[in-house]
Amino acid sequence: AAKIAGIDVPDLVVDDPDGDAKVLVVGWGSTYGPIAAAARRIRAGGGKVAQAHLRHLNPLPANTGEVLKRYDKVLLPEINLGQLALLLRARYLVDVISYNRVRGLPFKAEELAGVIQDVIDSD
């Protein structure tokens, strides 16, 4: 565990063009494309959303907690039962909104754009 904790991984990079988004969508693995496309759709419609993609899960980037706490809401779409959401909630005490699906099919940008818009509108 100490060896793993000592590995230096790059910081988590956030795509937040205006810097004033209240919602952060975090992804990992194959969710990158659909999340990026959904974020572009939301922004094209005037919505404010940030996105970040985790490329390293163990260890997580050192700035992960800081990034998560910067936003009012954090949405995490996963094509599993939400294991990463559970880990992020436990480790950083952030109320991660989990959007899960286990059907063996990838997310579609249109679907995720609807979910993101619902999270934005829920204020």
N, C-alpha and C. Protein backbone atom coordinates (compact mmCIF):
# COMPACT_ATOMS: atom_id res chain seq x y z
N ALA A 1 0.83 -1.20 0.00
CA ALA A 1 0.00 0.00 0.00
C ALA A 1 0.87 1.25 0.00
N ALA A 2 1.96 1.23 0.75
CA ALA A 2 2.85 2.40 0.80
C ALA A 2 3.50 2.65 -0.55
N LYS A 3 3.87 1.57 -1.24
CA LYS A 3 4.47 1.74 -2.57
C LYS A 3 3.48 2.40 -3.53
N ILE A 4 2.25 1.93 -3.51
CA ILE A 4 1.23 2.49 -4.39
C ILE A 4 0.97 3.95 -4.04
N ALA A 5 0.85 4.26 -2.76
CA ALA A 5 0.58 5.63 -2.32
C ALA A 5 1.70 6.57 -2.74
N GLY A 6 2.90 6.06 -2.91
CA GLY A 6 4.03 6.89 -3.27
C GLY A 6 4.18 7.14 -4.76
N ILE A 7 3.34 6.52 -5.57
CA ILE A 7 3.42 6.73 -7.01
C ILE A 7 2.93 8.14 -7.34
N ASP A 8 3.69 8.83 -8.17
CA ASP A 8 3.33 10.19 -8.56
C ASP A 8 2.51 10.14 -9.84
N VAL A 9 1.25 10.56 -9.75
CA VAL A 9 0.39 10.61 -10.94
C VAL A 9 0.05 12.07 -11.22
N PRO A 10 -0.22 12.41 -12.47
CA PRO A 10 -0.56 13.80 -12.81
C PRO A 10 -1.85 14.24 -12.12
N ASP A 11 -1.95 15.56 -11.89
CA ASP A 11 -3.15 16.12 -11.29
C ASP A 11 -4.36 15.92 -12.20
N LEU A 12 -5.52 15.89 -11.59
CA LEU A 12 -6.77 15.79 -12.31
C LEU A 12 -7.03 17.12 -13.00
N VAL A 13 -7.24 17.08 -14.30
CA VAL A 13 -7.47 18.28 -15.10
C VAL A 13 -8.97 18.45 -15.29
N VAL A 14 -9.45 19.67 -15.07
CA VAL A 14 -10.88 19.96 -15.20
C VAL A 14 -11.12 20.84 -16.42
N ASP A 15 -12.09 20.46 -17.22
CA ASP A 15 -12.51 21.26 -18.37
C ASP A 15 -13.72 22.08 -17.92
N ASP A 16 -13.46 23.32 -17.55
CA ASP A 16 -14.49 24.26 -17.08
C ASP A 16 -14.21 25.59 -17.77
N PRO A 17 -14.67 25.75 -19.01
CA PRO A 17 -14.27 26.89 -19.84
C PRO A 17 -14.44 28.26 -19.19
N ASP A 18 -15.56 28.49 -18.52
CA ASP A 18 -15.80 29.80 -17.91
C ASP A 18 -15.38 29.85 -16.45
N GLY A 19 -15.13 28.69 -15.86
CA GLY A 19 -14.72 28.64 -14.46
C GLY A 19 -15.83 28.91 -13.47
N ASP A 20 -17.08 28.90 -13.93
CA ASP A 20 -18.19 29.20 -13.02
C ASP A 20 -19.26 28.11 -12.98
N ALA A 21 -18.90 26.92 -13.41
CA ALA A 21 -19.87 25.81 -13.39
C ALA A 21 -20.14 25.39 -11.95
N LYS A 22 -21.34 24.97 -11.69
CA LYS A 22 -21.73 24.47 -10.37
C LYS A 22 -21.75 22.95 -10.35
N VAL A 23 -21.80 22.34 -11.54
CA VAL A 23 -21.88 20.88 -11.66
C VAL A 23 -20.62 20.36 -12.34
N LEU A 24 -20.03 19.35 -11.74
CA LEU A 24 -18.87 18.66 -12.31
C LEU A 24 -19.28 17.25 -12.67
N VAL A 25 -18.98 16.83 -13.89
CA VAL A 25 -19.22 15.45 -14.31
C VAL A 25 -17.86 14.77 -14.36
N VAL A 26 -17.71 13.73 -13.55
CA VAL A 26 -16.46 12.99 -13.48
C VAL A 26 -16.65 11.66 -14.20
N GLY A 27 -15.66 11.27 -14.97
CA GLY A 27 -15.73 10.00 -15.66
C GLY A 27 -14.42 9.26 -15.56
N TRP A 28 -14.46 8.02 -15.99
CA TRP A 28 -13.25 7.21 -16.08
C TRP A 28 -13.49 6.13 -17.12
N GLY A 29 -12.44 5.69 -17.75
CA GLY A 29 -12.57 4.63 -18.73
C GLY A 29 -13.37 5.04 -19.94
N SER A 30 -14.26 4.17 -20.39
CA SER A 30 -14.99 4.34 -21.64
C SER A 30 -16.05 5.44 -21.61
N THR A 31 -16.27 6.06 -20.46
CA THR A 31 -17.29 7.12 -20.40
C THR A 31 -16.78 8.45 -20.92
N TYR A 32 -15.49 8.54 -21.25
CA TYR A 32 -14.90 9.81 -21.67
C TYR A 32 -15.64 10.45 -22.84
N GLY A 33 -15.80 9.71 -23.93
CA GLY A 33 -16.43 10.26 -25.13
C GLY A 33 -17.86 10.73 -24.91
N PRO A 34 -18.72 9.89 -24.35
CA PRO A 34 -20.11 10.33 -24.13
C PRO A 34 -20.22 11.51 -23.17
N ILE A 35 -19.37 11.55 -22.14
CA ILE A 35 -19.42 12.68 -21.19
C ILE A 35 -18.98 13.96 -21.89
N ALA A 36 -17.89 13.89 -22.67
CA ALA A 36 -17.40 15.08 -23.37
C ALA A 36 -18.46 15.59 -24.35
N ALA A 37 -19.08 14.69 -25.09
CA ALA A 37 -20.11 15.09 -26.06
C ALA A 37 -21.33 15.67 -25.35
N ALA A 38 -21.72 15.08 -24.25
CA ALA A 38 -22.87 15.59 -23.48
C ALA A 38 -22.56 16.98 -22.91
N ALA A 39 -21.35 17.17 -22.40
CA ALA A 39 -20.97 18.47 -21.86
C ALA A 39 -20.99 19.54 -22.96
N ARG A 40 -20.52 19.18 -24.16
CA ARG A 40 -20.57 20.13 -25.28
C ARG A 40 -22.02 20.50 -25.62
N ARG A 41 -22.92 19.52 -25.58
CA ARG A 41 -24.34 19.79 -25.86
C ARG A 41 -24.92 20.76 -24.83
N ILE A 42 -24.62 20.50 -23.57
CA ILE A 42 -25.14 21.37 -22.50
C ILE A 42 -24.60 22.78 -22.66
N ARG A 43 -23.30 22.90 -22.92
CA ARG A 43 -22.68 24.22 -23.09
C ARG A 43 -23.23 24.94 -24.31
N ALA A 44 -23.49 24.21 -25.38
CA ALA A 44 -24.06 24.82 -26.59
C ALA A 44 -25.44 25.39 -26.31
N GLY A 45 -26.14 24.81 -25.35
CA GLY A 45 -27.45 25.30 -24.96
C GLY A 45 -27.40 26.35 -23.86
N GLY A 46 -26.20 26.80 -23.52
CA GLY A 46 -26.05 27.85 -22.51
C GLY A 46 -25.85 27.35 -21.09
N GLY A 47 -25.79 26.04 -20.91
CA GLY A 47 -25.61 25.48 -19.58
C GLY A 47 -24.17 25.55 -19.11
N LYS A 48 -24.00 25.54 -17.82
CA LYS A 48 -22.67 25.60 -17.21
C LYS A 48 -22.36 24.25 -16.60
N VAL A 49 -21.39 23.56 -17.18
CA VAL A 49 -21.00 22.26 -16.66
C VAL A 49 -19.50 22.09 -16.85
N ALA A 50 -18.87 21.47 -15.87
CA ALA A 50 -17.45 21.15 -15.94
C ALA A 50 -17.32 19.64 -16.07
N GLN A 51 -16.20 19.20 -16.62
CA GLN A 51 -15.97 17.76 -16.72
C GLN A 51 -14.52 17.46 -16.39
N ALA A 52 -14.32 16.26 -15.84
CA ALA A 52 -12.97 15.78 -15.54
C ALA A 52 -12.95 14.28 -15.79
N HIS A 53 -11.81 13.78 -16.23
CA HIS A 53 -11.69 12.36 -16.53
C HIS A 53 -10.52 11.78 -15.75
N LEU A 54 -10.82 10.81 -14.91
CA LEU A 54 -9.78 10.15 -14.12
C LEU A 54 -9.06 9.13 -14.98
N ARG A 55 -7.77 9.28 -15.11
CA ARG A 55 -6.97 8.33 -15.87
C ARG A 55 -6.22 7.37 -14.93
N HIS A 56 -6.13 7.76 -13.68
CA HIS A 56 -5.47 6.93 -12.67
C HIS A 56 -6.42 6.75 -11.50
N LEU A 57 -6.65 5.51 -11.10
CA LEU A 57 -7.57 5.23 -10.01
C LEU A 57 -6.86 4.79 -8.74
N ASN A 58 -5.65 4.28 -8.87
CA ASN A 58 -4.93 3.82 -7.68
C ASN A 58 -3.43 4.03 -7.87
N PRO A 59 -2.90 5.10 -7.30
CA PRO A 59 -3.59 6.09 -6.48
C PRO A 59 -4.34 7.11 -7.33
N LEU A 60 -5.31 7.75 -6.70
CA LEU A 60 -6.02 8.83 -7.36
C LEU A 60 -5.11 10.06 -7.40
N PRO A 61 -5.31 10.96 -8.34
CA PRO A 61 -4.51 12.19 -8.36
C PRO A 61 -4.61 12.93 -7.02
N ALA A 62 -3.53 13.55 -6.63
CA ALA A 62 -3.47 14.21 -5.32
C ALA A 62 -4.50 15.33 -5.18
N ASN A 63 -4.88 15.97 -6.27
CA ASN A 63 -5.82 17.09 -6.18
C ASN A 63 -7.28 16.69 -6.33
N THR A 64 -7.57 15.41 -6.33
CA THR A 64 -8.95 14.93 -6.56
C THR A 64 -9.93 15.51 -5.54
N GLY A 65 -9.61 15.45 -4.28
CA GLY A 65 -10.51 15.98 -3.25
C GLY A 65 -10.76 17.46 -3.42
N GLU A 66 -9.72 18.21 -3.70
CA GLU A 66 -9.85 19.65 -3.91
C GLU A 66 -10.77 19.94 -5.10
N VAL A 67 -10.60 19.21 -6.17
CA VAL A 67 -11.43 19.40 -7.36
C VAL A 67 -12.88 19.08 -7.05
N LEU A 68 -13.15 17.97 -6.41
CA LEU A 68 -14.52 17.57 -6.12
C LEU A 68 -15.23 18.58 -5.22
N LYS A 69 -14.53 19.13 -4.27
CA LYS A 69 -15.14 20.07 -3.31
C LYS A 69 -15.35 21.46 -3.89
N ARG A 70 -14.78 21.72 -5.05
CA ARG A 70 -14.93 23.01 -5.71
C ARG A 70 -16.31 23.21 -6.32
N TYR A 71 -17.06 22.13 -6.49
CA TYR A 71 -18.35 22.19 -7.20
C TYR A 71 -19.50 21.85 -6.26
N ASP A 72 -20.66 22.46 -6.53
CA ASP A 72 -21.84 22.22 -5.70
C ASP A 72 -22.34 20.79 -5.87
N LYS A 73 -22.27 20.28 -7.09
CA LYS A 73 -22.76 18.93 -7.36
C LYS A 73 -21.74 18.19 -8.22
N VAL A 74 -21.56 16.92 -7.92
CA VAL A 74 -20.66 16.06 -8.68
C VAL A 74 -21.46 14.87 -9.19
N LEU A 75 -21.47 14.69 -10.50
CA LEU A 75 -22.18 13.59 -11.14
C LEU A 75 -21.15 12.60 -11.67
N LEU A 76 -21.38 11.31 -11.41
CA LEU A 76 -20.45 10.28 -11.85
C LEU A 76 -21.20 9.17 -12.58
N PRO A 77 -21.24 9.23 -13.92
CA PRO A 77 -21.84 8.14 -14.69
C PRO A 77 -20.87 6.96 -14.74
N GLU A 78 -21.37 5.77 -14.42
CA GLU A 78 -20.54 4.57 -14.47
C GLU A 78 -21.32 3.43 -15.11
N ILE A 79 -20.60 2.63 -15.87
CA ILE A 79 -21.21 1.44 -16.46
C ILE A 79 -20.87 0.27 -15.55
N ASN A 80 -21.35 0.36 -14.33
CA ASN A 80 -21.21 -0.69 -13.32
C ASN A 80 -22.17 -0.34 -12.19
N LEU A 81 -21.95 -0.88 -11.02
CA LEU A 81 -22.87 -0.63 -9.90
C LEU A 81 -22.50 0.59 -9.06
N GLY A 82 -21.55 1.40 -9.52
CA GLY A 82 -21.21 2.64 -8.82
C GLY A 82 -20.08 2.51 -7.83
N GLN A 83 -19.15 1.63 -8.10
CA GLN A 83 -18.05 1.39 -7.16
C GLN A 83 -17.18 2.63 -6.97
N LEU A 84 -16.87 3.36 -8.04
CA LEU A 84 -16.02 4.54 -7.90
C LEU A 84 -16.74 5.63 -7.11
N ALA A 85 -18.04 5.77 -7.32
CA ALA A 85 -18.81 6.76 -6.57
C ALA A 85 -18.73 6.47 -5.07
N LEU A 86 -18.85 5.19 -4.71
CA LEU A 86 -18.74 4.82 -3.30
C LEU A 86 -17.36 5.17 -2.74
N LEU A 87 -16.32 4.91 -3.51
CA LEU A 87 -14.97 5.22 -3.07
C LEU A 87 -14.77 6.72 -2.89
N LEU A 88 -15.24 7.52 -3.85
CA LEU A 88 -15.08 8.97 -3.75
C LEU A 88 -15.87 9.55 -2.59
N ARG A 89 -17.08 9.04 -2.37
CA ARG A 89 -17.88 9.50 -1.22
C ARG A 89 -17.15 9.21 0.08
N ALA A 90 -16.62 8.00 0.21
CA ALA A 90 -15.97 7.60 1.46
C ALA A 90 -14.66 8.35 1.68
N ARG A 91 -13.87 8.48 0.64
CA ARG A 91 -12.54 9.07 0.80
C ARG A 91 -12.58 10.59 0.94
N TYR A 92 -13.48 11.26 0.21
CA TYR A 92 -13.46 12.73 0.18
C TYR A 92 -14.69 13.37 0.82
N LEU A 93 -15.62 12.58 1.31
CA LEU A 93 -16.84 13.07 1.97
C LEU A 93 -17.59 14.08 1.10
N VAL A 94 -17.73 13.72 -0.16
CA VAL A 94 -18.46 14.53 -1.13
C VAL A 94 -19.68 13.72 -1.56
N ASP A 95 -20.84 14.39 -1.64
CA ASP A 95 -22.06 13.70 -2.03
C ASP A 95 -22.08 13.54 -3.55
N VAL A 96 -21.48 12.47 -4.02
CA VAL A 96 -21.41 12.18 -5.45
C VAL A 96 -22.75 11.63 -5.92
N ILE A 97 -23.29 12.21 -6.97
CA ILE A 97 -24.53 11.72 -7.57
C ILE A 97 -24.14 10.63 -8.55
N SER A 98 -24.57 9.44 -8.26
CA SER A 98 -24.19 8.28 -9.06
C SER A 98 -25.25 8.01 -10.11
N TYR A 99 -24.81 7.83 -11.35
CA TYR A 99 -25.70 7.43 -12.43
C TYR A 99 -25.12 6.15 -13.01
N ASN A 100 -25.77 5.03 -12.73
CA ASN A 100 -25.23 3.71 -13.08
C ASN A 100 -26.10 3.01 -14.11
N ARG A 101 -25.41 2.17 -14.85
CA ARG A 101 -26.13 1.30 -15.77
C ARG A 101 -25.29 0.05 -15.99
N VAL A 102 -25.94 -1.10 -15.94
CA VAL A 102 -25.27 -2.38 -16.18
C VAL A 102 -26.08 -3.12 -17.25
N ARG A 103 -25.80 -2.79 -18.50
CA ARG A 103 -26.49 -3.45 -19.60
C ARG A 103 -25.52 -3.90 -20.68
N GLY A 104 -24.25 -3.64 -20.50
CA GLY A 104 -23.28 -4.02 -21.51
C GLY A 104 -23.25 -3.11 -22.71
N LEU A 105 -23.91 -1.97 -22.62
CA LEU A 105 -23.94 -1.00 -23.72
C LEU A 105 -23.38 0.33 -23.22
N PRO A 106 -22.69 1.07 -24.08
CA PRO A 106 -22.13 2.36 -23.66
C PRO A 106 -23.22 3.41 -23.47
N PHE A 107 -22.88 4.46 -22.72
CA PHE A 107 -23.79 5.60 -22.60
C PHE A 107 -23.84 6.31 -23.94
N LYS A 108 -24.96 6.98 -24.19
CA LYS A 108 -25.08 7.84 -25.36
C LYS A 108 -25.04 9.28 -24.87
N ALA A 109 -24.45 10.16 -25.68
CA ALA A 109 -24.30 11.55 -25.30
C ALA A 109 -25.65 12.20 -25.00
N GLU A 110 -26.64 11.87 -25.79
CA GLU A 110 -27.98 12.44 -25.59
C GLU A 110 -28.54 12.06 -24.23
N GLU A 111 -28.37 10.81 -23.86
CA GLU A 111 -28.83 10.33 -22.55
C GLU A 111 -28.14 11.08 -21.42
N LEU A 112 -26.81 11.18 -21.51
CA LEU A 112 -26.07 11.85 -20.44
C LEU A 112 -26.37 13.35 -20.40
N ALA A 113 -26.59 13.96 -21.56
CA ALA A 113 -26.95 15.38 -21.58
C ALA A 113 -28.25 15.60 -20.81
N GLY A 114 -29.20 14.69 -20.96
CA GLY A 114 -30.45 14.80 -20.21
C GLY A 114 -30.23 14.66 -18.71
N VAL A 115 -29.38 13.72 -18.33
CA VAL A 115 -29.08 13.52 -16.90
C VAL A 115 -28.37 14.75 -16.34
N ILE A 116 -27.40 15.28 -17.07
CA ILE A 116 -26.67 16.46 -16.62
C ILE A 116 -27.62 17.64 -16.48
N GLN A 117 -28.49 17.83 -17.46
CA GLN A 117 -29.44 18.94 -17.39
C GLN A 117 -30.37 18.79 -16.18
N ASP A 118 -30.79 17.58 -15.89
CA ASP A 118 -31.63 17.34 -14.71
C ASP A 118 -30.89 17.74 -13.44
N VAL A 119 -29.61 17.41 -13.35
CA VAL A 119 -28.82 17.77 -12.17
C VAL A 119 -28.67 19.29 -12.07
N ILE A 120 -28.43 19.95 -13.20
CA ILE A 120 -28.31 21.41 -13.21
C ILE A 120 -29.62 22.05 -12.77
N ASP A 121 -30.74 21.54 -13.28
CA ASP A 121 -32.06 22.10 -12.99
C ASP A 121 -32.54 21.82 -11.58
N SER A 122 -31.93 20.88 -10.89
CA SER A 122 -32.42 20.47 -9.57
C SER A 122 -32.06 21.45 -8.46
N ASP A 123 -31.49 22.59 -8.79
CA ASP A 123 -31.16 23.60 -7.76
C ASP A 123 -32.37 24.28 -7.23
